């Protein structure tokens, strides 16, 4: 299927690895030039070289911390200068610590909310005026199924993700009439380095080994397997494209119909 994304400009946060890297790759494969952001320049440069070599598209690596508004504004300004107007915004930056209520610190709660929620707000706030000016654009927030399916071990993620969903619904109402589509993608477990770390932490808090943590995760998913990052990227690319022109204000799960409670038993 041709998604008609050729020669569009995409801005992808959290794109040096994991889901964000796969999203950047998929968009470049579909013909986009892509600005990629993350906090580490070395990882970004490596990812940019890989994607550019494979796709032949322009990949602009921009080191920046999405928890700092000045970094967000700088990265957006550099993208506009180097690649041109932004057609597609995908936010993937941000992770939230897992843990039990009595163990979570004030700092961990703030870490989750500052990056996974407010980082998304900052990025959208920096990009959306340029989309409104042109009367078109597509925003896809990669959030997570914790915002839809509460989990007592993933409370910080759940709080940030629920805020992201509310935010996305609100801006969909505001900017849809101005030509900007807004949707969210909500993965469950995805086979990345980030998930490996969460498995280890979950095993620690539940008093089991990592193999048992993986077994519980897989058992909570009717499809019986962990989602691959390439699958998430394919969904993001579809929602970003005009092929999905009537999909707006949607919160799309991609978690194999996971039932969270089964993980915690």
C-alpha atoms as a PDB file:
ATOM      1  CA  UNK A   1       0.000   0.000   0.000  1.00  0.00           C
ATOM      2  CA  UNK A   2       1.359   3.403  -0.999  1.00  0.00           C
ATOM      3  CA  UNK A   3       0.883   5.737   1.969  1.00  0.00           C
ATOM      4  CA  UNK A   4       1.584   8.854  -0.135  1.00  0.00           C
ATOM      5  CA  UNK A   5       4.227  10.073   2.302  1.00  0.00           C
ATOM      6  CA  UNK A   6       6.964  10.665  -0.276  1.00  0.00           C
ATOM      7  CA  UNK A   7       8.878  13.918   0.277  1.00  0.00           C
ATOM      8  CA  UNK A   8       7.039  14.775   3.473  1.00  0.00           C
ATOM      9  CA  UNK A   9       8.994  15.879   6.547  1.00  0.00           C
ATOM     10  CA  UNK A  10       8.615  13.980   9.808  1.00  0.00           C
ATOM     11  CA  UNK A  11       9.809  14.901  13.296  1.00  0.00           C
ATOM     12  CA  UNK A  12      10.224  11.891  15.606  1.00  0.00           C
ATOM     13  CA  UNK A  13      11.220  12.122  19.261  1.00  0.00           C
ATOM     14  CA  UNK A  14      12.920   9.353  21.209  1.00  0.00           C
ATOM     15  CA  UNK A  15      14.192   8.011  17.911  1.00  0.00           C
ATOM     16  CA  UNK A  16      17.711   6.723  18.601  1.00  0.00           C
ATOM     17  CA  UNK A  17      16.446   3.248  19.555  1.00  0.00           C
ATOM     18  CA  UNK A  18      13.407   1.112  20.250  1.00  0.00           C
ATOM     19  CA  UNK A  19      10.002   2.073  18.894  1.00  0.00           C
ATOM     20  CA  UNK A  20      11.117   5.573  17.902  1.00  0.00           C
ATOM     21  CA  UNK A  21      13.968   4.236  15.772  1.00  0.00           C
ATOM     22  CA  UNK A  22      11.643   1.834  13.978  1.00  0.00           C
ATOM     23  CA  UNK A  23       9.117   4.618  13.384  1.00  0.00           C
ATOM     24  CA  UNK A  24      11.827   6.829  11.868  1.00  0.00           C
ATOM     25  CA  UNK A  25      12.997   3.956   9.673  1.00  0.00           C
ATOM     26  CA  UNK A  26       9.483   3.126   8.486  1.00  0.00           C
ATOM     27  CA  UNK A  27       8.686   6.752   7.659  1.00  0.00           C
ATOM     28  CA  UNK A  28      11.957   7.054   5.730  1.00  0.00           C
ATOM     29  CA  UNK A  29      11.117   3.834   3.871  1.00  0.00           C
ATOM     30  CA  UNK A  30       7.811   5.452   2.945  1.00  0.00           C
ATOM     31  CA  UNK A  31       9.702   8.404   1.473  1.00  0.00           C
ATOM     32  CA  UNK A  32       9.882  10.924   4.318  1.00  0.00           C
ATOM     33  CA  UNK A  33      12.842  13.018   5.315  1.00  0.00           C
ATOM     34  CA  UNK A  34      13.069  12.629   9.075  1.00  0.00           C
ATOM     35  CA  UNK A  35      14.402  14.682  11.968  1.00  0.00           C
ATOM     36  CA  UNK A  36      15.183  12.387  14.885  1.00  0.00           C
ATOM     37  CA  UNK A  37      15.714  13.500  18.466  1.00  0.00           C
ATOM     38  CA  UNK A  38      17.003  11.879  21.636  1.00  0.00           C
ATOM     39  CA  UNK A  39      19.310  12.918  24.447  1.00  0.00           C
ATOM     40  CA  UNK A  40      22.458  11.152  23.227  1.00  0.00           C
ATOM     41  CA  UNK A  41      24.207  12.465  20.104  1.00  0.00           C
ATOM     42  CA  UNK A  42      26.287   9.322  19.519  1.00  0.00           C
ATOM     43  CA  UNK A  43      23.265   7.017  19.341  1.00  0.00           C
ATOM     44  CA  UNK A  44      21.417   9.484  17.146  1.00  0.00           C
ATOM     45  CA  UNK A  45      24.304   9.774  14.702  1.00  0.00           C
ATOM     46  CA  UNK A  46      24.556   5.990  14.414  1.00  0.00           C
ATOM     47  CA  UNK A  47      20.814   5.634  13.833  1.00  0.00           C
ATOM     48  CA  UNK A  48      20.784   8.459  11.290  1.00  0.00           C
ATOM     49  CA  UNK A  49      23.627   6.866   9.321  1.00  0.00           C
ATOM     50  CA  UNK A  50      21.879   3.484   9.308  1.00  0.00           C
ATOM     51  CA  UNK A  51      18.530   4.828   8.146  1.00  0.00           C
ATOM     52  CA  UNK A  52      20.000   7.178   5.551  1.00  0.00           C
ATOM     53  CA  UNK A  53      22.164   4.399   4.124  1.00  0.00           C
ATOM     54  CA  UNK A  54      19.173   2.063   3.824  1.00  0.00           C
ATOM     55  CA  UNK A  55      16.608   4.517   2.484  1.00  0.00           C
ATOM     56  CA  UNK A  56      18.502   7.340   0.801  1.00  0.00           C
ATOM     57  CA  UNK A  57      16.369   9.915   2.608  1.00  0.00           C
ATOM     58  CA  UNK A  58      17.680  12.883   4.574  1.00  0.00           C
ATOM     59  CA  UNK A  59      17.900  12.040   8.274  1.00  0.00           C
ATOM     60  CA  UNK A  60      18.655  14.916  10.643  1.00  0.00           C
ATOM     61  CA  UNK A  61      19.961  13.853  14.091  1.00  0.00           C
ATOM     62  CA  UNK A  62      19.222  16.455  16.789  1.00  0.00           C
ATOM     63  CA  UNK A  63      20.323  15.886  20.360  1.00  0.00           C
ATOM     64  CA  UNK A  64      17.802  17.350  22.773  1.00  0.00           C
ATOM     65  CA  UNK A  65      15.986  16.646  26.013  1.00  0.00           C
ATOM     66  CA  UNK A  66      12.213  16.878  25.573  1.00  0.00           C
ATOM     67  CA  UNK A  67      11.865  17.689  29.277  1.00  0.00           C
ATOM     68  CA  UNK A  68      13.442  21.081  28.462  1.00  0.00           C
ATOM     69  CA  UNK A  69      11.389  23.522  26.453  1.00  0.00           C
ATOM     70  CA  UNK A  70      14.469  25.286  25.088  1.00  0.00           C
ATOM     71  CA  UNK A  71      15.708  21.986  23.620  1.00  0.00           C
ATOM     72  CA  UNK A  72      12.339  21.284  22.043  1.00  0.00           C
ATOM     73  CA  UNK A  73      12.161  24.736  20.460  1.00  0.00           C
ATOM     74  CA  UNK A  74      15.736  24.464  19.163  1.00  0.00           C
ATOM     75  CA  UNK A  75      15.176  21.037  17.584  1.00  0.00           C
ATOM     76  CA  UNK A  76      11.974  22.155  15.878  1.00  0.00           C
ATOM     77  CA  UNK A  77      13.631  25.328  14.582  1.00  0.00           C
ATOM     78  CA  UNK A  78      16.593  23.347  13.187  1.00  0.00           C
ATOM     79  CA  UNK A  79      14.220  20.936  11.462  1.00  0.00           C
ATOM     80  CA  UNK A  80      12.321  23.772   9.809  1.00  0.00           C
ATOM     81  CA  UNK A  81      15.572  25.337   8.669  1.00  0.00           C
ATOM     82  CA  UNK A  82      17.248  22.146   7.391  1.00  0.00           C
ATOM     83  CA  UNK A  83      14.347  20.016   6.112  1.00  0.00           C
ATOM     84  CA  UNK A  84      11.412  22.394   5.707  1.00  0.00           C
ATOM     85  CA  UNK A  85       7.864  22.462   7.102  1.00  0.00           C
ATOM     86  CA  UNK A  86       6.922  19.527   9.335  1.00  0.00           C
ATOM     87  CA  UNK A  87       4.115  17.366   7.943  1.00  0.00           C
ATOM     88  CA  UNK A  88       4.215  14.574  10.525  1.00  0.00           C
ATOM     89  CA  UNK A  89       4.977  14.682  14.247  1.00  0.00           C
ATOM     90  CA  UNK A  90       5.487  11.454  16.182  1.00  0.00           C
ATOM     91  CA  UNK A  91       6.309  11.570  19.896  1.00  0.00           C
ATOM     92  CA  UNK A  92       8.053   8.514  21.338  1.00  0.00           C
ATOM     93  CA  UNK A  93      10.414  10.099  23.888  1.00  0.00           C
ATOM     94  CA  UNK A  94       9.893   9.216  27.488  1.00  0.00           C
ATOM     95  CA  UNK A  95       9.719   6.245  29.772  1.00  0.00           C
ATOM     96  CA  UNK A  96       8.151   5.760  33.158  1.00  0.00           C
ATOM     97  CA  UNK A  97       9.565   3.748  36.050  1.00  0.00           C
ATOM     98  CA  UNK A  98       7.626   0.703  37.138  1.00  0.00           C
ATOM     99  CA  UNK A  99       7.204  -0.094  40.798  1.00  0.00           C
ATOM    100  CA  UNK A 100       4.891  -0.450  43.743  1.00  0.00           C
ATOM    101  CA  UNK A 101       3.305   2.591  45.367  1.00  0.00           C
ATOM    102  CA  UNK A 102       5.221   2.252  48.623  1.00  0.00           C
ATOM    103  CA  UNK A 103       8.526   2.069  46.739  1.00  0.00           C
ATOM    104  CA  UNK A 104       8.036   4.865  44.199  1.00  0.00           C
ATOM    105  CA  UNK A 105       9.688   8.170  45.031  1.00  0.00           C
ATOM    106  CA  UNK A 106       8.465  11.698  44.402  1.00  0.00           C
ATOM    107  CA  UNK A 107      11.321  12.058  41.907  1.00  0.00           C
ATOM    108  CA  UNK A 108      10.148   9.003  39.946  1.00  0.00           C
ATOM    109  CA  UNK A 109       6.604  10.355  39.716  1.00  0.00           C
ATOM    110  CA  UNK A 110       7.900  13.710  38.493  1.00  0.00           C
ATOM    111  CA  UNK A 111      10.252  12.010  36.023  1.00  0.00           C
ATOM    112  CA  UNK A 112       7.329  10.194  34.443  1.00  0.00           C
ATOM    113  CA  UNK A 113       5.042  13.215  34.252  1.00  0.00           C
ATOM    114  CA  UNK A 114       7.736  15.668  33.116  1.00  0.00           C
ATOM    115  CA  UNK A 115       8.938  13.626  30.159  1.00  0.00           C
ATOM    116  CA  UNK A 116       6.157  11.241  29.148  1.00  0.00           C
ATOM    117  CA  UNK A 117       3.367  13.802  29.544  1.00  0.00           C
ATOM    118  CA  UNK A 118       4.783  17.326  29.560  1.00  0.00           C
ATOM    119  CA  UNK A 119       7.444  16.357  27.007  1.00  0.00           C
ATOM    120  CA  UNK A 120       4.627  15.512  24.606  1.00  0.00           C
ATOM    121  CA  UNK A 121       2.843  18.769  25.428  1.00  0.00           C
ATOM    122  CA  UNK A 122       6.012  20.794  24.779  1.00  0.00           C
ATOM    123  CA  UNK A 123       6.658  19.083  21.457  1.00  0.00           C
ATOM    124  CA  UNK A 124       3.128  19.469  20.146  1.00  0.00           C
ATOM    125  CA  UNK A 125       3.050  23.082  21.310  1.00  0.00           C
ATOM    126  CA  UNK A 126       6.232  23.801  19.318  1.00  0.00           C
ATOM    127  CA  UNK A 127       5.110  22.084  16.107  1.00  0.00           C
ATOM    128  CA  UNK A 128       1.363  22.601  15.806  1.00  0.00           C
ATOM    129  CA  UNK A 129       1.406  26.361  14.988  1.00  0.00           C
ATOM    130  CA  UNK A 130       3.413  25.598  11.845  1.00  0.00           C
ATOM    131  CA  UNK A 131       0.909  22.922  10.824  1.00  0.00           C
ATOM    132  CA  UNK A 132      -2.010  25.284  11.443  1.00  0.00           C
ATOM    133  CA  UNK A 133      -0.316  27.943   9.321  1.00  0.00           C
ATOM    134  CA  UNK A 134      -0.234  25.510   6.386  1.00  0.00           C
ATOM    135  CA  UNK A 135      -3.685  24.073   7.110  1.00  0.00           C
ATOM    136  CA  UNK A 136      -2.482  20.481   7.321  1.00  0.00           C
ATOM    137  CA  UNK A 137      -0.504  18.044   9.439  1.00  0.00           C
ATOM    138  CA  UNK A 138      -0.656  14.742  11.272  1.00  0.00           C
ATOM    139  CA  UNK A 139       0.289  14.149  14.901  1.00  0.00           C
ATOM    140  CA  UNK A 140       0.696  10.660  16.338  1.00  0.00           C
ATOM    141  CA  UNK A 141       1.476  10.317  20.037  1.00  0.00           C
ATOM    142  CA  UNK A 142       2.941   6.929  20.953  1.00  0.00           C
ATOM    143  CA  UNK A 143       1.510   6.609  24.445  1.00  0.00           C
ATOM    144  CA  UNK A 144       0.900   3.142  25.895  1.00  0.00           C
ATOM    145  CA  UNK A 145      -1.917   0.881  26.995  1.00  0.00           C
ATOM    146  CA  UNK A 146      -1.353   1.755  30.677  1.00  0.00           C
ATOM    147  CA  UNK A 147      -3.488   4.832  30.062  1.00  0.00           C
ATOM    148  CA  UNK A 148      -6.378   2.595  29.022  1.00  0.00           C
ATOM    149  CA  UNK A 149      -5.730  -0.440  31.231  1.00  0.00           C
ATOM    150  CA  UNK A 150      -4.623   0.438  34.782  1.00  0.00           C
ATOM    151  CA  UNK A 151      -1.897  -1.627  36.414  1.00  0.00           C
ATOM    152  CA  UNK A 152      -0.819  -1.287  40.039  1.00  0.00           C
ATOM    153  CA  UNK A 153       2.812  -1.933  39.092  1.00  0.00           C
ATOM    154  CA  UNK A 154       2.758   0.668  36.292  1.00  0.00           C
ATOM    155  CA  UNK A 155       1.071   3.554  38.080  1.00  0.00           C
ATOM    156  CA  UNK A 156       3.501   6.282  37.021  1.00  0.00           C
ATOM    157  CA  UNK A 157       3.146   5.248  33.385  1.00  0.00           C
ATOM    158  CA  UNK A 158      -0.618   4.961  33.761  1.00  0.00           C
ATOM    159  CA  UNK A 159      -0.926   8.475  35.164  1.00  0.00           C
ATOM    160  CA  UNK A 160       1.254  10.029  32.437  1.00  0.00           C
ATOM    161  CA  UNK A 161      -0.405   8.009  29.681  1.00  0.00           C
ATOM    162  CA  UNK A 162      -3.933   8.842  30.821  1.00  0.00           C
ATOM    163  CA  UNK A 163      -2.932  12.517  30.787  1.00  0.00           C
ATOM    164  CA  UNK A 164      -1.556  12.073  27.257  1.00  0.00           C
ATOM    165  CA  UNK A 165      -4.833  10.544  26.075  1.00  0.00           C
ATOM    166  CA  UNK A 166      -6.856  13.382  27.545  1.00  0.00           C
ATOM    167  CA  UNK A 167      -4.460  15.905  26.009  1.00  0.00           C
ATOM    168  CA  UNK A 168      -4.695  14.218  22.594  1.00  0.00           C
ATOM    169  CA  UNK A 169      -8.496  14.201  22.663  1.00  0.00           C
ATOM    170  CA  UNK A 170      -8.503  17.873  23.612  1.00  0.00           C
ATOM    171  CA  UNK A 171      -6.165  19.004  20.849  1.00  0.00           C
ATOM    172  CA  UNK A 172      -8.007  16.807  18.336  1.00  0.00           C
ATOM    173  CA  UNK A 173     -11.107  18.886  19.054  1.00  0.00           C
ATOM    174  CA  UNK A 174      -9.148  22.126  18.811  1.00  0.00           C
ATOM    175  CA  UNK A 175      -7.022  21.508  15.730  1.00  0.00           C
ATOM    176  CA  UNK A 176      -9.096  19.122  13.609  1.00  0.00           C
ATOM    177  CA  UNK A 177     -11.065  22.037  12.128  1.00  0.00           C
ATOM    178  CA  UNK A 178      -7.714  23.607  11.212  1.00  0.00           C
ATOM    179  CA  UNK A 179      -6.556  20.604   9.181  1.00  0.00           C
ATOM    180  CA  UNK A 180      -4.406  18.866  11.801  1.00  0.00           C
ATOM    181  CA  UNK A 181      -5.218  15.255  12.636  1.00  0.00           C
ATOM    182  CA  UNK A 182      -4.304  13.862  16.072  1.00  0.00           C
ATOM    183  CA  UNK A 183      -4.257  10.208  17.111  1.00  0.00           C
ATOM    184  CA  UNK A 184      -2.554   8.040  19.705  1.00  0.00           C
ATOM    185  CA  UNK A 185      -0.992   4.595  19.435  1.00  0.00           C
ATOM    186  CA  UNK A 186      -1.033   2.536  22.611  1.00  0.00           C
ATOM    187  CA  UNK A 187       1.325  -0.446  22.756  1.00  0.00           C
ATOM    188  CA  UNK A 188       1.488  -3.011  25.508  1.00  0.00           C
ATOM    189  CA  UNK A 189       4.756  -4.923  25.927  1.00  0.00           C
ATOM    190  CA  UNK A 190       7.062  -4.327  22.952  1.00  0.00           C
ATOM    191  CA  UNK A 191      10.270  -6.293  22.406  1.00  0.00           C
ATOM    192  CA  UNK A 192      12.842  -3.525  22.981  1.00  0.00           C
ATOM    193  CA  UNK A 193      15.686  -2.803  25.396  1.00  0.00           C
ATOM    194  CA  UNK A 194      13.201  -0.757  27.389  1.00  0.00           C
ATOM    195  CA  UNK A 195      10.916  -3.768  27.841  1.00  0.00           C
ATOM    196  CA  UNK A 196      13.876  -5.910  28.924  1.00  0.00           C
ATOM    197  CA  UNK A 197      14.567  -3.407  31.713  1.00  0.00           C
ATOM    198  CA  UNK A 198      10.917  -3.396  32.753  1.00  0.00           C
ATOM    199  CA  UNK A 199      10.885  -7.186  32.865  1.00  0.00           C
ATOM    200  CA  UNK A 200      13.880  -7.173  35.195  1.00  0.00           C
ATOM    201  CA  UNK A 201      12.276  -4.584  37.481  1.00  0.00           C
ATOM    202  CA  UNK A 202       8.949  -6.431  37.479  1.00  0.00           C
ATOM    203  CA  UNK A 203      10.701  -9.692  38.360  1.00  0.00           C
ATOM    204  CA  UNK A 204      12.467  -7.956  41.250  1.00  0.00           C
ATOM    205  CA  UNK A 205       9.298  -6.469  42.709  1.00  0.00           C
ATOM    206  CA  UNK A 206       7.250  -9.637  42.259  1.00  0.00           C
ATOM    207  CA  UNK A 207       9.940 -11.903  43.705  1.00  0.00           C
ATOM    208  CA  UNK A 208      10.332 -14.019  40.566  1.00  0.00           C
ATOM    209  CA  UNK A 209      13.034 -14.491  37.950  1.00  0.00           C
ATOM    210  CA  UNK A 210      12.988 -12.743  34.569  1.00  0.00           C
ATOM    211  CA  UNK A 211      11.873 -15.879  32.736  1.00  0.00           C
ATOM    212  CA  UNK A 212       8.750 -15.976  34.921  1.00  0.00           C
ATOM    213  CA  UNK A 213       8.184 -12.260  34.326  1.00  0.00           C
ATOM    214  CA  UNK A 214       8.283 -12.897  30.568  1.00  0.00           C
ATOM    215  CA  UNK A 215       5.942 -15.885  30.944  1.00  0.00           C
ATOM    216  CA  UNK A 216       3.430 -13.758  32.849  1.00  0.00           C
ATOM    217  CA  UNK A 217       3.583 -11.017  30.244  1.00  0.00           C
ATOM    218  CA  UNK A 218       2.975 -13.462  27.410  1.00  0.00           C
ATOM    219  CA  UNK A 219       0.186 -15.174  29.356  1.00  0.00           C
ATOM    220  CA  UNK A 220      -1.582 -11.818  29.778  1.00  0.00           C
ATOM    221  CA  UNK A 221      -1.804 -11.436  25.991  1.00  0.00           C
ATOM    222  CA  UNK A 222      -4.406 -13.586  24.199  1.00  0.00           C
ATOM    223  CA  UNK A 223      -2.181 -13.660  21.102  1.00  0.00           C
ATOM    224  CA  UNK A 224       0.517 -15.167  23.324  1.00  0.00           C
ATOM    225  CA  UNK A 225       3.470 -13.045  22.204  1.00  0.00           C
ATOM    226  CA  UNK A 226       5.204  -9.719  22.759  1.00  0.00           C
ATOM    227  CA  UNK A 227       4.640  -7.096  20.039  1.00  0.00           C
ATOM    228  CA  UNK A 228       7.577  -6.232  17.785  1.00  0.00           C
ATOM    229  CA  UNK A 229       8.585  -2.560  17.338  1.00  0.00           C
ATOM    230  CA  UNK A 230       8.193  -2.876  13.569  1.00  0.00           C
ATOM    231  CA  UNK A 231       4.490  -3.592  14.081  1.00  0.00           C
ATOM    232  CA  UNK A 232       4.038  -0.404  16.083  1.00  0.00           C
ATOM    233  CA  UNK A 233       5.924   1.559  13.424  1.00  0.00           C
ATOM    234  CA  UNK A 234       3.646   0.240  10.680  1.00  0.00           C
ATOM    235  CA  UNK A 235       0.566   1.425  12.585  1.00  0.00           C
ATOM    236  CA  UNK A 236       2.119   4.834  13.234  1.00  0.00           C
ATOM    237  CA  UNK A 237       2.985   5.273   9.558  1.00  0.00           C
ATOM    238  CA  UNK A 238      -0.566   4.386   8.516  1.00  0.00           C
ATOM    239  CA  UNK A 239      -2.119   6.862  10.970  1.00  0.00           C
ATOM    240  CA  UNK A 240       0.357   9.554   9.908  1.00  0.00           C
ATOM    241  CA  UNK A 241      -0.618   9.198   6.269  1.00  0.00           C
ATOM    242  CA  UNK A 242      -3.501  10.586   4.254  1.00  0.00           C
ATOM    243  CA  UNK A 243      -4.656   7.009   3.705  1.00  0.00           C
ATOM    244  CA  UNK A 244      -6.052   7.394   7.237  1.00  0.00           C
ATOM    245  CA  UNK A 245      -7.537  10.801   6.444  1.00  0.00           C
ATOM    246  CA  UNK A 246     -10.732  10.197   8.433  1.00  0.00           C
ATOM    247  CA  UNK A 247      -9.015   8.682  11.483  1.00  0.00           C
ATOM    248  CA  UNK A 248      -8.908  11.509  14.000  1.00  0.00           C
ATOM    249  CA  UNK A 249      -9.098  11.650  17.782  1.00  0.00           C
ATOM    250  CA  UNK A 250      -8.618   7.879  17.997  1.00  0.00           C
ATOM    251  CA  UNK A 251      -6.759   5.971  20.703  1.00  0.00           C
ATOM    252  CA  UNK A 252      -5.583   2.809  18.972  1.00  0.00           C
ATOM    253  CA  UNK A 253      -4.321  -0.118  21.085  1.00  0.00           C
ATOM    254  CA  UNK A 254      -1.655  -2.454  19.731  1.00  0.00           C
ATOM    255  CA  UNK A 255      -1.215  -4.942  22.553  1.00  0.00           C
ATOM    256  CA  UNK A 256      -2.715  -8.237  21.434  1.00  0.00           C
ATOM    257  CA  UNK A 257      -5.753  -7.468  23.669  1.00  0.00           C
ATOM    258  CA  UNK A 258      -3.557  -7.673  26.766  1.00  0.00           C
ATOM    259  CA  UNK A 259      -5.305  -8.198  30.109  1.00  0.00           C
ATOM    260  CA  UNK A 260      -2.994  -6.419  32.565  1.00  0.00           C
ATOM    261  CA  UNK A 261      -4.347  -8.035  35.718  1.00  0.00           C
ATOM    262  CA  UNK A 262      -3.065 -11.427  34.618  1.00  0.00           C
ATOM    263  CA  UNK A 263       0.532 -10.186  34.812  1.00  0.00           C
ATOM    264  CA  UNK A 264       0.252  -9.274  38.469  1.00  0.00           C
ATOM    265  CA  UNK A 265      -1.196 -12.505  39.813  1.00  0.00           C
END
